């Protein structure tokens, strides 16, 4: 149903004012997933959120979060800063 789809779509949710959002995606993803990540960042930017988009080379859907195990990894630093 339309209302349920709207409520479950990150792209259609309004970010909390003052929110900083980073869309982090692995460079090894399929082109459609990369496109959607950039699209999501642009939508949220248009809704007033401070947004950035990062494509991490040599990462994919299952290992893109591995950087969180390293306190000096850019993903960890970005999360801690936000």
PDB file of N, CA and C in Angstrom:
ATOM      1  N   UNK A   1       0.837  -1.174   0.000  1.00  0.00           N
ATOM      2  CA  UNK A   1       0.000   0.000   0.000  1.00  0.00           C
ATOM      3  C   UNK A   1       0.883   1.239   0.000  1.00  0.00           C
ATOM      4  N   UNK A   2       0.343   2.322  -0.526  1.00  0.00           N
ATOM      5  CA  UNK A   2       1.142   3.536  -0.727  1.00  0.00           C
ATOM      6  C   UNK A   2       1.651   4.129   0.583  1.00  0.00           C
ATOM      7  N   UNK A   3       0.808   4.164   1.601  1.00  0.00           N
ATOM      8  CA  UNK A   3       1.221   4.745   2.882  1.00  0.00           C
ATOM      9  C   UNK A   3       2.359   3.939   3.508  1.00  0.00           C
ATOM     10  N   UNK A   4       2.263   2.621   3.441  1.00  0.00           N
ATOM     11  CA  UNK A   4       3.320   1.768   3.984  1.00  0.00           C
ATOM     12  C   UNK A   4       4.621   1.948   3.206  1.00  0.00           C
ATOM     13  N   UNK A   5       4.532   2.000   1.886  1.00  0.00           N
ATOM     14  CA  UNK A   5       5.724   2.204   1.057  1.00  0.00           C
ATOM     15  C   UNK A   5       6.383   3.534   1.394  1.00  0.00           C
ATOM     16  N   UNK A   6       5.585   4.568   1.561  1.00  0.00           N
ATOM     17  CA  UNK A   6       6.120   5.886   1.902  1.00  0.00           C
ATOM     18  C   UNK A   6       6.826   5.849   3.255  1.00  0.00           C
ATOM     19  N   UNK A   7       6.218   5.209   4.242  1.00  0.00           N
ATOM     20  CA  UNK A   7       6.792   5.195   5.592  1.00  0.00           C
ATOM     21  C   UNK A   7       8.055   4.349   5.687  1.00  0.00           C
ATOM     22  N   UNK A   8       8.246   3.414   4.758  1.00  0.00           N
ATOM     23  CA  UNK A   8       9.415   2.538   4.808  1.00  0.00           C
ATOM     24  C   UNK A   8      10.507   2.921   3.815  1.00  0.00           C
ATOM     25  N   UNK A   9      10.320   3.999   3.092  1.00  0.00           N
ATOM     26  CA  UNK A   9      11.303   4.422   2.100  1.00  0.00           C
ATOM     27  C   UNK A   9      12.235   5.472   2.688  1.00  0.00           C
ATOM     28  N   UNK A  10      13.527   5.171   2.850  1.00  0.00           N
ATOM     29  CA  UNK A  10      14.454   6.170   3.377  1.00  0.00           C
ATOM     30  C   UNK A  10      14.479   7.444   2.534  1.00  0.00           C
ATOM     31  N   UNK A  11      14.315   7.304   1.235  1.00  0.00           N
ATOM     32  CA  UNK A  11      14.372   8.466   0.351  1.00  0.00           C
ATOM     33  C   UNK A  11      13.204   9.415   0.588  1.00  0.00           C
ATOM     34  N   UNK A  12      12.111   8.923   1.117  1.00  0.00           N
ATOM     35  CA  UNK A  12      10.933   9.756   1.312  1.00  0.00           C
ATOM     36  C   UNK A  12      10.785  10.259   2.741  1.00  0.00           C
ATOM     37  N   UNK A  13      11.614   9.777   3.643  1.00  0.00           N
ATOM     38  CA  UNK A  13      11.572  10.257   5.021  1.00  0.00           C
ATOM     39  C   UNK A  13      12.278  11.601   5.119  1.00  0.00           C
ATOM     40  N   UNK A  14      11.736  12.488   5.900  1.00  0.00           N
ATOM     41  CA  UNK A  14      12.379  13.786   6.104  1.00  0.00           C
ATOM     42  C   UNK A  14      13.425  13.639   7.211  1.00  0.00           C
ATOM     43  N   UNK A  15      14.668  14.053   6.933  1.00  0.00           N
ATOM     44  CA  UNK A  15      15.697  13.963   7.977  1.00  0.00           C
ATOM     45  C   UNK A  15      15.420  14.962   9.099  1.00  0.00           C
ATOM     46  N   UNK A  16      15.831  14.608  10.290  1.00  0.00           N
ATOM     47  CA  UNK A  16      15.705  15.507  11.430  1.00  0.00           C
ATOM     48  C   UNK A  16      16.567  16.733  11.154  1.00  0.00           C
ATOM     49  N   UNK A  17      16.027  17.912  11.443  1.00  0.00           N
ATOM     50  CA  UNK A  17      16.761  19.145  11.187  1.00  0.00           C
ATOM     51  C   UNK A  17      18.108  19.124  11.905  1.00  0.00           C
ATOM     52  N   UNK A  18      19.157  19.529  11.201  1.00  0.00           N
ATOM     53  CA  UNK A  18      20.506  19.542  11.749  1.00  0.00           C
ATOM     54  C   UNK A  18      21.245  18.225  11.601  1.00  0.00           C
ATOM     55  N   UNK A  19      20.605  17.241  10.990  1.00  0.00           N
ATOM     56  CA  UNK A  19      21.218  15.928  10.814  1.00  0.00           C
ATOM     57  C   UNK A  19      22.295  15.973   9.743  1.00  0.00           C
ATOM     58  N   UNK A  20      23.410  15.306  10.011  1.00  0.00           N
ATOM     59  CA  UNK A  20      24.461  15.103   9.008  1.00  0.00           C
ATOM     60  C   UNK A  20      24.407  13.643   8.590  1.00  0.00           C
ATOM     61  N   UNK A  21      24.357  13.417   7.289  1.00  0.00           N
ATOM     62  CA  UNK A  21      24.187  12.063   6.773  1.00  0.00           C
ATOM     63  C   UNK A  21      25.303  11.741   5.795  1.00  0.00           C
ATOM     64  N   UNK A  22      25.895  10.561   5.948  1.00  0.00           N
ATOM     65  CA  UNK A  22      26.880  10.069   4.991  1.00  0.00           C
ATOM     66  C   UNK A  22      26.344   8.791   4.371  1.00  0.00           C
ATOM     67  N   UNK A  23      26.230   8.794   3.056  1.00  0.00           N
ATOM     68  CA  UNK A  23      25.845   7.588   2.313  1.00  0.00           C
ATOM     69  C   UNK A  23      27.141   6.914   1.888  1.00  0.00           C
ATOM     70  N   UNK A  24      27.464   5.801   2.503  1.00  0.00           N
ATOM     71  CA  UNK A  24      28.736   5.095   2.283  1.00  0.00           C
ATOM     72  C   UNK A  24      28.446   3.802   1.543  1.00  0.00           C
ATOM     73  N   UNK A  25      29.067   3.613   0.401  1.00  0.00           N
ATOM     74  CA  UNK A  25      28.791   2.444  -0.427  1.00  0.00           C
ATOM     75  C   UNK A  25      30.100   1.872  -0.956  1.00  0.00           C
ATOM     76  N   UNK A  26      30.136   0.583  -1.141  1.00  0.00           N
ATOM     77  CA  UNK A  26      31.317  -0.063  -1.704  1.00  0.00           C
ATOM     78  C   UNK A  26      31.401   0.137  -3.209  1.00  0.00           C
ATOM     79  N   UNK A  27      32.592   0.425  -3.697  1.00  0.00           N
ATOM     80  CA  UNK A  27      32.800   0.631  -5.124  1.00  0.00           C
ATOM     81  C   UNK A  27      32.584  -0.617  -5.957  1.00  0.00           C
ATOM     82  N   UNK A  28      32.576  -1.779  -5.311  1.00  0.00           N
ATOM     83  CA  UNK A  28      32.361  -3.031  -6.021  1.00  0.00           C
ATOM     84  C   UNK A  28      30.893  -3.399  -6.182  1.00  0.00           C
ATOM     85  N   UNK A  29      30.004  -2.493  -5.788  1.00  0.00           N
ATOM     86  CA  UNK A  29      28.571  -2.757  -5.920  1.00  0.00           C
ATOM     87  C   UNK A  29      28.134  -2.661  -7.374  1.00  0.00           C
ATOM     88  N   UNK A  30      26.982  -3.197  -7.651  1.00  0.00           N
ATOM     89  CA  UNK A  30      26.387  -3.058  -8.978  1.00  0.00           C
ATOM     90  C   UNK A  30      26.064  -1.595  -9.233  1.00  0.00           C
ATOM     91  N   UNK A  31      26.054  -1.212 -10.490  1.00  0.00           N
ATOM     92  CA  UNK A  31      25.846   0.192 -10.853  1.00  0.00           C
ATOM     93  C   UNK A  31      24.532   0.746 -10.306  1.00  0.00           C
ATOM     94  N   UNK A  32      23.497  -0.049 -10.243  1.00  0.00           N
ATOM     95  CA  UNK A  32      22.210   0.439  -9.734  1.00  0.00           C
ATOM     96  C   UNK A  32      22.297   0.781  -8.249  1.00  0.00           C
ATOM     97  N   UNK A  33      23.022  -0.008  -7.491  1.00  0.00           N
ATOM     98  CA  UNK A  33      23.176   0.276  -6.064  1.00  0.00           C
ATOM     99  C   UNK A  33      23.985   1.561  -5.867  1.00  0.00           C
ATOM    100  N   UNK A  34      25.021   1.748  -6.673  1.00  0.00           N
ATOM    101  CA  UNK A  34      25.810   2.983  -6.615  1.00  0.00           C
ATOM    102  C   UNK A  34      24.934   4.184  -6.966  1.00  0.00           C
ATOM    103  N   UNK A  35      24.115   4.041  -7.991  1.00  0.00           N
ATOM    104  CA  UNK A  35      23.228   5.130  -8.420  1.00  0.00           C
ATOM    105  C   UNK A  35      22.246   5.485  -7.308  1.00  0.00           C
ATOM    106  N   UNK A  36      21.677   4.481  -6.673  1.00  0.00           N
ATOM    107  CA  UNK A  36      20.706   4.729  -5.612  1.00  0.00           C
ATOM    108  C   UNK A  36      21.343   5.408  -4.404  1.00  0.00           C
ATOM    109  N   UNK A  37      22.585   5.084  -4.108  1.00  0.00           N
ATOM    110  CA  UNK A  37      23.279   5.716  -2.992  1.00  0.00           C
ATOM    111  C   UNK A  37      23.464   7.214  -3.244  1.00  0.00           C
ATOM    112  N   UNK A  38      23.882   7.562  -4.450  1.00  0.00           N
ATOM    113  CA  UNK A  38      24.049   8.975  -4.814  1.00  0.00           C
ATOM    114  C   UNK A  38      22.691   9.673  -4.824  1.00  0.00           C
ATOM    115  N   UNK A  39      21.684   9.011  -5.359  1.00  0.00           N
ATOM    116  CA  UNK A  39      20.335   9.572  -5.404  1.00  0.00           C
ATOM    117  C   UNK A  39      19.828   9.869  -3.998  1.00  0.00           C
ATOM    118  N   UNK A  40      20.022   8.932  -3.081  1.00  0.00           N
ATOM    119  CA  UNK A  40      19.580   9.112  -1.705  1.00  0.00           C
ATOM    120  C   UNK A  40      20.270  10.313  -1.062  1.00  0.00           C
ATOM    121  N   UNK A  41      21.568  10.434  -1.258  1.00  0.00           N
ATOM    122  CA  UNK A  41      22.299  11.581  -0.707  1.00  0.00           C
ATOM    123  C   UNK A  41      21.762  12.887  -1.283  1.00  0.00           C
ATOM    124  N   UNK A  42      21.494  12.916  -2.570  1.00  0.00           N
ATOM    125  CA  UNK A  42      20.980  14.133  -3.205  1.00  0.00           C
ATOM    126  C   UNK A  42      19.583  14.488  -2.711  1.00  0.00           C
ATOM    127  N   UNK A  43      18.742  13.491  -2.527  1.00  0.00           N
ATOM    128  CA  UNK A  43      17.388  13.751  -2.024  1.00  0.00           C
ATOM    129  C   UNK A  43      17.461  14.351  -0.632  1.00  0.00           C
ATOM    130  N   UNK A  44      18.237  13.736   0.244  1.00  0.00           N
ATOM    131  CA  UNK A  44      18.337  14.251   1.610  1.00  0.00           C
ATOM    132  C   UNK A  44      18.983  15.634   1.640  1.00  0.00           C
ATOM    133  N   UNK A  45      19.951  15.877   0.768  1.00  0.00           N
ATOM    134  CA  UNK A  45      20.557  17.203   0.684  1.00  0.00           C
ATOM    135  C   UNK A  45      19.476  18.217   0.309  1.00  0.00           C
ATOM    136  N   UNK A  46      18.630  17.852  -0.644  1.00  0.00           N
ATOM    137  CA  UNK A  46      17.541  18.731  -1.056  1.00  0.00           C
ATOM    138  C   UNK A  46      16.520  18.977   0.040  1.00  0.00           C
ATOM    139  N   UNK A  47      16.449  18.088   1.005  1.00  0.00           N
ATOM    140  CA  UNK A  47      15.544  18.249   2.143  1.00  0.00           C
ATOM    141  C   UNK A  47      16.215  18.970   3.307  1.00  0.00           C
ATOM    142  N   UNK A  48      17.435  19.458   3.084  1.00  0.00           N
ATOM    143  CA  UNK A  48      18.097  20.285   4.084  1.00  0.00           C
ATOM    144  C   UNK A  48      19.126  19.607   4.956  1.00  0.00           C
ATOM    145  N   UNK A  49      19.398  18.336   4.748  1.00  0.00           N
ATOM    146  CA  UNK A  49      20.399  17.646   5.565  1.00  0.00           C
ATOM    147  C   UNK A  49      21.795  17.894   5.002  1.00  0.00           C
ATOM    148  N   UNK A  50      22.757  18.032   5.878  1.00  0.00           N
ATOM    149  CA  UNK A  50      24.163  18.108   5.461  1.00  0.00           C
ATOM    150  C   UNK A  50      24.563  16.691   5.069  1.00  0.00           C
ATOM    151  N   UNK A  51      24.749  16.468   3.792  1.00  0.00           N
ATOM    152  CA  UNK A  51      24.900  15.111   3.274  1.00  0.00           C
ATOM    153  C   UNK A  51      26.153  14.973   2.434  1.00  0.00           C
ATOM    154  N   UNK A  52      26.814  13.836   2.576  1.00  0.00           N
ATOM    155  CA  UNK A  52      27.929  13.510   1.689  1.00  0.00           C
ATOM    156  C   UNK A  52      27.769  12.076   1.207  1.00  0.00           C
ATOM    157  N   UNK A  53      28.389  11.796   0.083  1.00  0.00           N
ATOM    158  CA  UNK A  53      28.326  10.463  -0.506  1.00  0.00           C
ATOM    159  C   UNK A  53      29.751   9.959  -0.686  1.00  0.00           C
ATOM    160  N   UNK A  54      30.024   8.750  -0.202  1.00  0.00           N
ATOM    161  CA  UNK A  54      31.358   8.164  -0.290  1.00  0.00           C
ATOM    162  C   UNK A  54      31.259   6.808  -0.981  1.00  0.00           C
ATOM    163  N   UNK A  55      32.104   6.605  -1.983  1.00  0.00           N
ATOM    164  CA  UNK A  55      32.232   5.303  -2.629  1.00  0.00           C
ATOM    165  C   UNK A  55      33.603   4.765  -2.248  1.00  0.00           C
ATOM    166  N   UNK A  56      33.631   3.702  -1.450  1.00  0.00           N
ATOM    167  CA  UNK A  56      34.901   3.127  -1.001  1.00  0.00           C
ATOM    168  C   UNK A  56      35.341   2.033  -1.976  1.00  0.00           C
ATOM    169  N   UNK A  57      36.488   2.229  -2.620  1.00  0.00           N
ATOM    170  CA  UNK A  57      36.969   1.239  -3.594  1.00  0.00           C
ATOM    171  C   UNK A  57      37.171  -0.141  -2.961  1.00  0.00           C
ATOM    172  N   UNK A  58      37.038  -1.153  -3.774  1.00  0.00           N
ATOM    173  CA  UNK A  58      37.308  -2.543  -3.371  1.00  0.00           C
ATOM    174  C   UNK A  58      36.424  -3.038  -2.228  1.00  0.00           C
ATOM    175  N   UNK A  59      35.267  -2.444  -2.061  1.00  0.00           N
ATOM    176  CA  UNK A  59      34.310  -2.903  -1.042  1.00  0.00           C
ATOM    177  C   UNK A  59      33.011  -3.284  -1.735  1.00  0.00           C
ATOM    178  N   UNK A  60      32.238  -4.112  -1.065  1.00  0.00           N
ATOM    179  CA  UNK A  60      30.952  -4.533  -1.604  1.00  0.00           C
ATOM    180  C   UNK A  60      29.951  -4.613  -0.452  1.00  0.00           C
ATOM    181  N   UNK A  61      28.776  -5.088  -0.769  1.00  0.00           N
ATOM    182  CA  UNK A  61      27.650  -5.101   0.156  1.00  0.00           C
ATOM    183  C   UNK A  61      27.970  -5.755   1.502  1.00  0.00           C
ATOM    184  N   UNK A  62      28.798  -6.788   1.496  1.00  0.00           N
ATOM    185  CA  UNK A  62      29.048  -7.529   2.728  1.00  0.00           C
ATOM    186  C   UNK A  62      30.268  -7.055   3.504  1.00  0.00           C
ATOM    187  N   UNK A  63      31.211  -6.371   2.865  1.00  0.00           N
ATOM    188  CA  UNK A  63      32.403  -5.958   3.609  1.00  0.00           C
ATOM    189  C   UNK A  63      32.562  -4.446   3.725  1.00  0.00           C
ATOM    190  N   UNK A  64      31.591  -3.688   3.259  1.00  0.00           N
ATOM    191  CA  UNK A  64      31.717  -2.237   3.315  1.00  0.00           C
ATOM    192  C   UNK A  64      31.796  -1.727   4.758  1.00  0.00           C
ATOM    193  N   UNK A  65      31.273  -2.461   5.706  1.00  0.00           N
ATOM    194  CA  UNK A  65      31.314  -2.039   7.107  1.00  0.00           C
ATOM    195  C   UNK A  65      32.566  -2.516   7.843  1.00  0.00           C
ATOM    196  N   UNK A  66      33.424  -3.279   7.185  1.00  0.00           N
ATOM    197  CA  UNK A  66      34.618  -3.812   7.852  1.00  0.00           C
ATOM    198  C   UNK A  66      35.532  -2.721   8.397  1.00  0.00           C
ATOM    199  N   UNK A  67      35.497  -1.559   7.792  1.00  0.00           N
ATOM    200  CA  UNK A  67      36.316  -0.453   8.272  1.00  0.00           C
ATOM    201  C   UNK A  67      36.001  -0.053   9.702  1.00  0.00           C
ATOM    202  N   UNK A  68      34.815  -0.371  10.180  1.00  0.00           N
ATOM    203  CA  UNK A  68      34.438  -0.016  11.550  1.00  0.00           C
ATOM    204  C   UNK A  68      35.272  -0.749  12.595  1.00  0.00           C
ATOM    205  N   UNK A  69      35.967  -1.809  12.202  1.00  0.00           N
ATOM    206  CA  UNK A  69      36.839  -2.536  13.131  1.00  0.00           C
ATOM    207  C   UNK A  69      38.150  -1.794  13.369  1.00  0.00           C
ATOM    208  N   UNK A  70      38.431  -0.785  12.557  1.00  0.00           N
ATOM    209  CA  UNK A  70      39.676  -0.020  12.650  1.00  0.00           C
ATOM    210  C   UNK A  70      39.346   1.400  13.096  1.00  0.00           C
ATOM    211  N   UNK A  71      39.808   1.807  14.285  1.00  0.00           N
ATOM    212  CA  UNK A  71      39.472   3.143  14.779  1.00  0.00           C
ATOM    213  C   UNK A  71      40.002   4.279  13.906  1.00  0.00           C
ATOM    214  N   UNK A  72      40.993   3.996  13.063  1.00  0.00           N
ATOM    215  CA  UNK A  72      41.555   5.033  12.200  1.00  0.00           C
ATOM    216  C   UNK A  72      40.981   5.021  10.784  1.00  0.00           C
ATOM    217  N   UNK A  73      40.078   4.103  10.509  1.00  0.00           N
ATOM    218  CA  UNK A  73      39.480   4.014   9.171  1.00  0.00           C
ATOM    219  C   UNK A  73      38.563   5.226   8.940  1.00  0.00           C
ATOM    220  N   UNK A  74      38.522   5.746   7.727  1.00  0.00           N
ATOM    221  CA  UNK A  74      37.663   6.903   7.438  1.00  0.00           C
ATOM    222  C   UNK A  74      36.186   6.687   7.790  1.00  0.00           C
ATOM    223  N   UNK A  75      35.674   5.474   7.634  1.00  0.00           N
ATOM    224  CA  UNK A  75      34.277   5.213   7.989  1.00  0.00           C
ATOM    225  C   UNK A  75      34.071   5.389   9.489  1.00  0.00           C
ATOM    226  N   UNK A  76      34.980   4.852  10.284  1.00  0.00           N
ATOM    227  CA  UNK A  76      34.885   4.991  11.739  1.00  0.00           C
ATOM    228  C   UNK A  76      35.000   6.450  12.142  1.00  0.00           C
ATOM    229  N   UNK A  77      35.964   7.154  11.560  1.00  0.00           N
ATOM    230  CA  UNK A  77      36.143   8.577  11.891  1.00  0.00           C
ATOM    231  C   UNK A  77      34.905   9.385  11.512  1.00  0.00           C
ATOM    232  N   UNK A  78      34.318   9.071  10.372  1.00  0.00           N
ATOM    233  CA  UNK A  78      33.107   9.778   9.951  1.00  0.00           C
ATOM    234  C   UNK A  78      31.972   9.525  10.932  1.00  0.00           C
ATOM    235  N   UNK A  79      31.803   8.292  11.354  1.00  0.00           N
ATOM    236  CA  UNK A  79      30.740   7.947  12.293  1.00  0.00           C
ATOM    237  C   UNK A  79      30.947   8.647  13.635  1.00  0.00           C
ATOM    238  N   UNK A  80      32.168   8.657  14.118  1.00  0.00           N
ATOM    239  CA  UNK A  80      32.460   9.278  15.411  1.00  0.00           C
ATOM    240  C   UNK A  80      32.274  10.792  15.341  1.00  0.00           C
ATOM    241  N   UNK A  81      32.666  11.388  14.223  1.00  0.00           N
ATOM    242  CA  UNK A  81      32.523  12.835  14.062  1.00  0.00           C
ATOM    243  C   UNK A  81      31.067  13.249  13.989  1.00  0.00           C
ATOM    244  N   UNK A  82      30.225  12.381  13.442  1.00  0.00           N
ATOM    245  CA  UNK A  82      28.819  12.735  13.292  1.00  0.00           C
ATOM    246  C   UNK A  82      28.105  12.434  14.575  1.00  0.00           C
TER     247      UNK A  82
END
